[in-house]
């Protein structure tokens, strides 16, 4: 799970990810720099389930190991890369080591802006959703949740991307990009291979680009910042999902608008977000208010969200209603500059209290 910045970041410190705040430089010479970093995250959680006993678990909460580097191409342009992997800190002996990729990309930045290719969080996550809830264990739902309710592969939202982000000009910044899911991007689920070569036909049991045609989504966003106030808008047409259904139908679009204001150690944000389904009466809207305050030894934070799902949406069908009142609360406590603990609570207003829960955890970054 992505981590928020602590109180120092809210107070206006450099916007560095918490996972890399303690990065160790292993090489820095002649314009080339290489850092390694990581974290260990463990949490005890208690989460209600619909029609069953609650889940209680002491488990990993997204422990990662990463490397990042950069080198000077010329006086204006710097090339860079970043790669992260996840591992299970709670069952290290029984896990596969660094068994899951988190993000990986390569790019170049300078006075022209920033261009990259690879895998990372969607722009709508970073600019629209994270200012409301980018918490340690429990987040509220969003338009990505509505997309997942239709059983679409959410991993497609993060991989195979190209993006250009402009420099900030008079407080204005914009980003444009594409998510490319090519004709060969599928997993054959049948035993129709010979020496590792696929010999069978694609069918409805295979995952990935089943339609057999290249599908490219388009996303774009703009952000304006003046003093402690900023407003951002993002659109994603989700066209990469067209190739991931047997009939190649559109699944819909994502829209989002978020405004936030930071004063001293307090940040307040509001959000309006929509998953616009392709069929009639399938839209899902999210309206949220969130706040985070750095009290000196950590953060205290919370958010409220109203979800309005139209009757024919997969969201309403899956969760058994067409409107929900969600909220969460949390507090962190800094043990040291590299280590903190937290407690969080979430309520989703689902049937049978499904998804409601509490968690206590610890984070150590290196």
Protein backbone atom coordinates (compact mmCIF):
# COMPACT_ATOMS: atom_id res chain seq x y z
CA UNK A 1 0.00 0.00 0.00
CA UNK A 2 1.25 3.46 -0.76
CA UNK A 3 2.30 5.58 2.14
CA UNK A 4 1.45 9.15 2.92
CA UNK A 5 3.93 11.75 3.96
CA UNK A 6 4.20 12.52 7.64
CA UNK A 7 3.76 15.86 9.36
CA UNK A 8 6.95 17.36 7.99
CA UNK A 9 5.71 16.92 4.45
CA UNK A 10 2.36 18.49 5.20
CA UNK A 11 4.18 21.45 6.68
CA UNK A 12 5.81 22.00 3.29
CA UNK A 13 8.95 19.88 3.24
CA UNK A 14 10.19 18.43 -0.03
CA UNK A 15 7.70 16.01 -1.54
CA UNK A 16 9.67 12.79 -1.19
CA UNK A 17 8.05 9.42 -0.70
CA UNK A 18 8.26 8.05 2.80
CA UNK A 19 9.71 4.83 1.44
CA UNK A 20 12.78 6.66 0.10
CA UNK A 21 13.33 9.23 2.84
CA UNK A 22 16.14 7.10 4.33
CA UNK A 23 17.62 5.94 1.02
CA UNK A 24 21.32 5.04 1.14
CA UNK A 25 23.52 6.37 -1.64
CA UNK A 26 25.82 3.57 -2.77
CA UNK A 27 27.40 5.47 -5.69
CA UNK A 28 27.62 9.17 -6.51
CA UNK A 29 30.34 10.18 -8.91
CA UNK A 30 30.77 11.99 -12.24
CA UNK A 31 27.07 12.90 -12.47
CA UNK A 32 25.82 9.36 -11.77
CA UNK A 33 23.99 8.46 -8.56
CA UNK A 34 22.55 5.17 -7.28
CA UNK A 35 20.41 4.76 -4.13
CA UNK A 36 18.92 1.71 -2.48
CA UNK A 37 16.02 1.88 -0.04
CA UNK A 38 13.15 -0.11 1.37
CA UNK A 39 10.83 -0.66 4.27
CA UNK A 40 9.38 -3.31 6.55
CA UNK A 41 5.65 -2.98 7.23
CA UNK A 42 3.62 -5.20 9.55
CA UNK A 43 0.06 -4.78 10.78
CA UNK A 44 -2.57 -6.55 12.83
CA UNK A 45 -6.00 -6.08 11.25
CA UNK A 46 -9.58 -7.05 12.01
CA UNK A 47 -12.00 -6.78 9.05
CA UNK A 48 -15.67 -7.77 8.87
CA UNK A 49 -16.88 -10.06 6.07
CA UNK A 50 -20.33 -10.45 4.57
CA UNK A 51 -21.89 -13.75 5.65
CA UNK A 52 -18.82 -15.04 7.43
CA UNK A 53 -16.52 -14.67 10.40
CA UNK A 54 -14.38 -11.53 10.49
CA UNK A 55 -10.83 -11.78 9.20
CA UNK A 56 -8.14 -11.17 11.80
CA UNK A 57 -4.55 -11.28 10.66
CA UNK A 58 -1.01 -10.34 11.60
CA UNK A 59 0.53 -9.81 8.23
CA UNK A 60 2.68 -7.87 5.83
CA UNK A 61 1.36 -4.49 4.74
CA UNK A 62 3.33 -3.85 1.55
CA UNK A 63 7.00 -4.21 2.52
CA UNK A 64 9.23 -3.18 -0.37
CA UNK A 65 12.83 -3.05 -1.51
CA UNK A 66 13.88 -0.62 -4.19
CA UNK A 67 16.64 1.01 -6.17
CA UNK A 68 16.71 4.32 -7.97
CA UNK A 69 19.34 6.13 -9.92
CA UNK A 70 20.04 9.07 -12.18
CA UNK A 71 22.78 10.41 -14.38
CA UNK A 72 23.48 13.70 -16.06
CA UNK A 73 22.93 13.53 -19.82
CA UNK A 74 23.83 17.19 -20.39
CA UNK A 75 23.59 20.49 -18.54
CA UNK A 76 19.79 20.44 -18.74
CA UNK A 77 18.66 16.82 -18.94
CA UNK A 78 18.91 14.08 -16.32
CA UNK A 79 18.09 10.45 -17.05
CA UNK A 80 16.67 8.35 -14.21
CA UNK A 81 15.15 5.02 -13.23
CA UNK A 82 13.28 3.51 -10.30
CA UNK A 83 12.43 -0.12 -9.53
CA UNK A 84 10.58 -1.56 -6.52
CA UNK A 85 9.71 -5.10 -5.43
CA UNK A 86 7.49 -6.37 -2.65
CA UNK A 87 8.08 -9.20 -0.18
CA UNK A 88 6.13 -10.79 2.69
CA UNK A 89 7.75 -9.64 5.92
CA UNK A 90 5.44 -11.76 8.08
CA UNK A 91 6.38 -15.04 6.38
CA UNK A 92 9.86 -14.37 5.05
CA UNK A 93 11.04 -18.00 5.20
CA UNK A 94 7.98 -19.31 3.42
CA UNK A 95 7.70 -16.61 0.78
CA UNK A 96 9.44 -16.34 -2.56
CA UNK A 97 11.69 -13.46 -1.53
CA UNK A 98 11.15 -10.36 -3.67
CA UNK A 99 8.15 -12.06 -5.22
CA UNK A 100 6.02 -9.21 -6.60
CA UNK A 101 6.86 -6.17 -8.68
CA UNK A 102 5.54 -2.86 -7.38
CA UNK A 103 6.65 -0.23 -9.86
CA UNK A 104 9.46 0.24 -12.36
CA UNK A 105 10.11 3.00 -14.86
CA UNK A 106 12.80 4.90 -16.73
CA UNK A 107 12.69 8.50 -17.89
CA UNK A 108 14.32 11.86 -18.41
CA UNK A 109 13.64 15.24 -16.81
CA UNK A 110 14.80 18.79 -17.25
CA UNK A 111 13.54 22.27 -18.07
CA UNK A 112 11.29 20.67 -20.70
CA UNK A 113 9.42 18.66 -18.04
CA UNK A 114 9.45 14.95 -17.26
CA UNK A 115 8.92 12.00 -19.64
CA UNK A 116 8.83 8.39 -18.49
CA UNK A 117 7.88 4.87 -19.54
CA UNK A 118 7.09 1.83 -17.40
CA UNK A 119 4.78 1.01 -14.49
CA UNK A 120 3.57 3.27 -11.67
CA UNK A 121 0.39 4.49 -9.99
CA UNK A 122 -2.30 6.03 -12.22
CA UNK A 123 -2.41 9.82 -12.42
CA UNK A 124 -5.95 9.84 -11.03
CA UNK A 125 -4.62 8.10 -7.91
CA UNK A 126 -1.83 10.61 -7.33
CA UNK A 127 -3.68 13.85 -8.11
CA UNK A 128 -7.32 13.07 -7.24
CA UNK A 129 -7.63 10.22 -4.73
CA UNK A 130 -4.49 10.44 -2.59
CA UNK A 131 -5.18 13.91 -1.11
CA UNK A 132 -8.33 12.40 0.47
CA UNK A 133 -7.14 8.99 1.69
CA UNK A 134 -3.69 7.62 1.00
CA UNK A 135 -3.45 5.91 4.35
CA UNK A 136 -1.41 3.18 5.96
CA UNK A 137 -3.91 0.30 5.87
CA UNK A 138 -7.48 1.45 5.13
CA UNK A 139 -8.52 3.69 2.24
CA UNK A 140 -12.00 4.66 1.12
CA UNK A 141 -13.40 3.49 -2.22
CA UNK A 142 -12.93 5.37 -5.49
CA UNK A 143 -13.56 5.10 -9.22
CA UNK A 144 -10.96 2.33 -9.38
CA UNK A 145 -13.10 0.36 -6.93
CA UNK A 146 -16.08 0.85 -9.23
CA UNK A 147 -14.00 -0.40 -12.15
CA UNK A 148 -12.89 -3.46 -10.18
CA UNK A 149 -16.52 -4.21 -9.31
CA UNK A 150 -16.92 -5.20 -12.95
CA UNK A 151 -14.20 -7.84 -12.50
CA UNK A 152 -11.74 -5.99 -14.72
CA UNK A 153 -8.02 -6.56 -14.20
CA UNK A 154 -6.93 -3.60 -12.07
CA UNK A 155 -3.25 -4.30 -12.79
CA UNK A 156 -3.80 -2.88 -16.28
CA UNK A 157 -4.17 0.57 -14.74
CA UNK A 158 -0.53 0.69 -13.63
CA UNK A 159 1.56 -1.04 -16.31
CA UNK A 160 2.68 -0.42 -19.89
CA UNK A 161 2.50 3.37 -19.63
CA UNK A 162 3.98 6.42 -21.30
CA UNK A 163 3.63 9.84 -19.69
CA UNK A 164 4.77 13.41 -20.18
CA UNK A 165 4.47 15.91 -17.32
CA UNK A 166 5.14 19.57 -17.96
CA UNK A 167 7.17 21.86 -15.72
CA UNK A 168 5.15 24.18 -13.50
CA UNK A 169 4.53 27.42 -15.37
CA UNK A 170 2.88 30.25 -13.43
CA UNK A 171 1.42 27.68 -11.04
CA UNK A 172 0.00 25.52 -13.86
CA UNK A 173 1.15 22.00 -14.64
CA UNK A 174 -0.31 19.37 -16.95
CA UNK A 175 0.28 15.71 -17.74
CA UNK A 176 -0.70 13.49 -20.67
CA UNK A 177 -0.11 9.82 -21.22
CA UNK A 178 -1.23 6.49 -22.57
CA UNK A 179 -1.60 2.95 -21.26
CA UNK A 180 -0.79 0.47 -24.04
CA UNK A 181 -2.11 -3.09 -23.95
CA UNK A 182 -0.78 -4.76 -27.07
CA UNK A 183 -2.05 -7.68 -29.08
CA UNK A 184 0.35 -10.05 -27.38
CA UNK A 185 -0.52 -8.94 -23.84
CA UNK A 186 -2.49 -11.91 -22.59
CA UNK A 187 -2.06 -15.02 -20.47
CA UNK A 188 -3.21 -18.32 -21.93
CA UNK A 189 -4.98 -20.29 -19.19
CA UNK A 190 -5.26 -23.58 -21.08
CA UNK A 191 -2.67 -26.38 -21.31
CA UNK A 192 -2.19 -25.72 -25.03
CA UNK A 193 1.57 -25.17 -25.20
CA UNK A 194 4.45 -27.14 -26.67
CA UNK A 195 7.90 -26.45 -25.18
CA UNK A 196 6.57 -23.21 -23.79
CA UNK A 197 5.08 -22.03 -27.11
CA UNK A 198 1.36 -21.27 -27.24
CA UNK A 199 -0.32 -23.41 -29.88
CA UNK A 200 -3.97 -23.09 -28.84
CA UNK A 201 -6.50 -20.42 -29.74
CA UNK A 202 -7.42 -17.56 -27.44
CA UNK A 203 -10.75 -18.04 -25.75
CA UNK A 204 -12.90 -16.66 -22.96
CA UNK A 205 -10.83 -18.44 -20.29
CA UNK A 206 -7.66 -16.55 -21.25
CA UNK A 207 -6.84 -13.28 -19.50
CA UNK A 208 -5.31 -10.21 -21.04
CA UNK A 209 -5.99 -8.82 -24.49
CA UNK A 210 -8.47 -11.45 -25.62
CA UNK A 211 -9.86 -9.43 -28.53
CA UNK A 212 -6.48 -9.73 -30.26
CA UNK A 213 -6.17 -6.05 -31.16
CA UNK A 214 -3.98 -3.30 -29.75
CA UNK A 215 -5.78 -1.18 -27.18
CA UNK A 216 -4.43 2.13 -25.95
CA UNK A 217 -6.02 4.29 -23.30
CA UNK A 218 -5.52 8.03 -22.99
CA UNK A 219 -5.29 9.97 -19.76
CA UNK A 220 -4.64 13.63 -19.04
CA UNK A 221 -4.67 15.99 -16.10
CA UNK A 222 -4.02 19.56 -15.10
CA UNK A 223 -3.10 21.09 -11.75
CA UNK A 224 -2.99 24.71 -10.65
CA UNK A 225 -1.23 25.78 -7.45
CA UNK A 226 -1.12 29.18 -5.80
CA UNK A 227 0.28 29.49 -2.30
CA UNK A 228 -1.19 26.76 -0.11
CA UNK A 229 -4.14 26.12 -2.47
CA UNK A 230 -4.20 23.69 -5.40
CA UNK A 231 -6.86 22.23 -7.67
CA UNK A 232 -6.42 19.25 -10.01
CA UNK A 233 -8.56 17.58 -12.67
CA UNK A 234 -7.89 14.20 -14.35
CA UNK A 235 -9.58 12.19 -17.12
CA UNK A 236 -8.88 8.57 -18.18
CA UNK A 237 -10.80 6.88 -21.00
CA UNK A 238 -9.86 3.32 -19.85
CA UNK A 239 -9.70 2.09 -23.44
CA UNK A 240 -7.02 -0.47 -22.52
CA UNK A 241 -9.87 -2.57 -21.07
CA UNK A 242 -11.60 -2.91 -24.44
CA UNK A 243 -9.19 -5.69 -25.35
CA UNK A 244 -9.79 -7.54 -22.10
CA UNK A 245 -13.29 -8.79 -22.76
CA UNK A 246 -14.45 -11.36 -25.27
CA UNK A 247 -16.60 -8.84 -27.14
CA UNK A 248 -14.17 -5.92 -26.72
CA UNK A 249 -16.82 -3.60 -25.27
CA UNK A 250 -15.95 -0.28 -23.64
CA UNK A 251 -16.10 -0.30 -19.85
CA UNK A 252 -16.44 3.43 -19.25
CA UNK A 253 -14.40 6.48 -18.25
CA UNK A 254 -12.91 8.02 -15.11
CA UNK A 255 -13.19 11.69 -14.14
CA UNK A 256 -11.97 13.45 -11.05
CA UNK A 257 -11.63 16.92 -9.52
CA UNK A 258 -9.84 17.61 -6.22
CA UNK A 259 -9.09 20.86 -4.40
CA UNK A 260 -6.86 21.09 -1.35
CA UNK A 261 -5.58 23.78 0.97
CA UNK A 262 -2.58 23.54 3.27
CA UNK A 263 -1.91 25.96 6.12
CA UNK A 264 0.87 25.25 8.59
CA UNK A 265 0.47 21.56 9.55
CA UNK A 266 -3.15 21.22 8.39
CA UNK A 267 -4.30 20.00 4.97
CA UNK A 268 -7.96 19.91 3.94
CA UNK A 269 -9.11 18.38 0.64
CA UNK A 270 -12.41 17.89 -1.20
CA UNK A 271 -13.08 15.54 -4.10
CA UNK A 272 -15.69 14.86 -6.78
CA UNK A 273 -14.99 11.69 -8.80
CA UNK A 274 -16.98 9.62 -11.28
CA UNK A 275 -16.74 6.22 -12.87
CA UNK A 276 -18.90 6.75 -15.96
CA UNK A 277 -20.11 3.34 -17.09
CA UNK A 278 -20.62 2.71 -20.78
CA UNK A 279 -24.20 1.46 -20.38
CA UNK A 280 -27.17 3.50 -19.19
CA UNK A 281 -27.63 3.88 -15.42
CA UNK A 282 -24.18 2.48 -14.58
CA UNK A 283 -22.39 5.60 -13.28
CA UNK A 284 -20.90 5.75 -9.78
CA UNK A 285 -20.12 9.12 -8.12
CA UNK A 286 -17.83 9.78 -5.15
CA UNK A 287 -17.94 12.99 -3.09
CA UNK A 288 -15.40 13.26 -0.28
CA UNK A 289 -13.91 15.54 2.35
CA UNK A 290 -10.62 14.69 4.04
CA UNK A 291 -8.23 16.36 6.48
CA UNK A 292 -4.78 15.63 7.91
CA UNK A 293 -3.03 17.45 10.76
CA UNK A 294 0.56 17.09 11.88
CA UNK A 295 0.59 17.39 15.66
CA UNK A 296 4.38 17.26 16.06
CA UNK A 297 4.93 13.57 16.80
CA UNK A 298 2.87 12.28 13.90
CA UNK A 299 -0.39 12.85 12.02
CA UNK A 300 -4.06 12.59 12.85
CA UNK A 301 -6.35 12.22 9.83
CA UNK A 302 -9.81 11.28 8.66
CA UNK A 303 -12.18 11.43 5.72
CA UNK A 304 -15.89 11.14 4.90
CA UNK A 305 -17.25 10.07 1.52
CA UNK A 306 -20.72 9.75 0.01
CA UNK A 307 -21.00 7.19 -2.80
CA UNK A 308 -23.94 7.42 -5.23
CA UNK A 309 -24.21 4.37 -7.52
CA UNK A 310 -26.84 4.11 -10.24
CA UNK A 311 -29.10 1.06 -10.08
CA UNK A 312 -27.62 -0.83 -13.05
CA UNK A 313 -23.99 -0.34 -12.09
CA UNK A 314 -21.82 -3.31 -11.16
CA UNK A 315 -21.04 -1.41 -7.97
CA UNK A 316 -24.68 -1.33 -6.83
CA UNK A 317 -25.15 -4.98 -7.81
CA UNK A 318 -22.02 -6.15 -6.02
CA UNK A 319 -22.58 -4.20 -2.79
CA UNK A 320 -26.36 -4.54 -2.60
CA UNK A 321 -27.31 -0.85 -2.47
CA UNK A 322 -27.05 2.39 -4.46
CA UNK A 323 -25.70 4.80 -1.83
CA UNK A 324 -23.14 4.55 0.94
CA UNK A 325 -21.67 6.76 3.68
CA UNK A 326 -18.01 5.88 4.22
CA UNK A 327 -15.50 7.26 6.71
CA UNK A 328 -12.15 6.46 8.21
CA UNK A 329 -9.95 7.76 11.03
CA UNK A 330 -6.29 7.29 11.84
CA UNK A 331 -3.33 8.50 13.83
CA UNK A 332 0.42 7.93 13.47
CA UNK A 333 3.15 8.30 16.10
CA UNK A 334 6.78 8.83 15.14
CA UNK A 335 9.11 6.64 17.18
CA UNK A 336 12.12 8.00 15.27
CA UNK A 337 12.88 9.61 11.92
CA UNK A 338 12.73 6.19 10.24
CA UNK A 339 10.10 4.39 12.33
CA UNK A 340 6.48 5.01 13.22
CA UNK A 341 3.37 3.19 14.37
CA UNK A 342 -0.31 3.81 13.62
CA UNK A 343 -3.90 2.93 14.41
CA UNK A 344 -6.72 3.15 11.82
CA UNK A 345 -10.46 2.49 11.65
CA UNK A 346 -12.76 2.31 8.61
CA UNK A 347 -16.52 2.00 8.05
CA UNK A 348 -17.93 1.43 4.55
CA UNK A 349 -21.69 1.16 5.15
CA UNK A 350 -21.93 -2.17 3.28
CA UNK A 351 -24.41 -4.96 3.97
CA UNK A 352 -23.34 -6.99 6.98
CA UNK A 353 -20.67 -4.36 7.79
CA UNK A 354 -18.47 -5.92 5.10
CA UNK A 355 -15.13 -4.14 4.84
CA UNK A 356 -15.41 -2.37 8.20
CA UNK A 357 -12.40 -2.84 10.38
CA UNK A 358 -9.49 -1.63 12.45
CA UNK A 359 -5.74 -2.02 12.17
CA UNK A 360 -2.62 -1.27 14.17
CA UNK A 361 0.77 -1.41 12.51
CA UNK A 362 4.41 -0.43 12.40
CA UNK A 363 6.61 0.93 9.62
CA UNK A 364 10.40 1.05 9.40
CA UNK A 365 12.01 2.72 6.40
CA UNK A 366 15.64 2.34 5.39
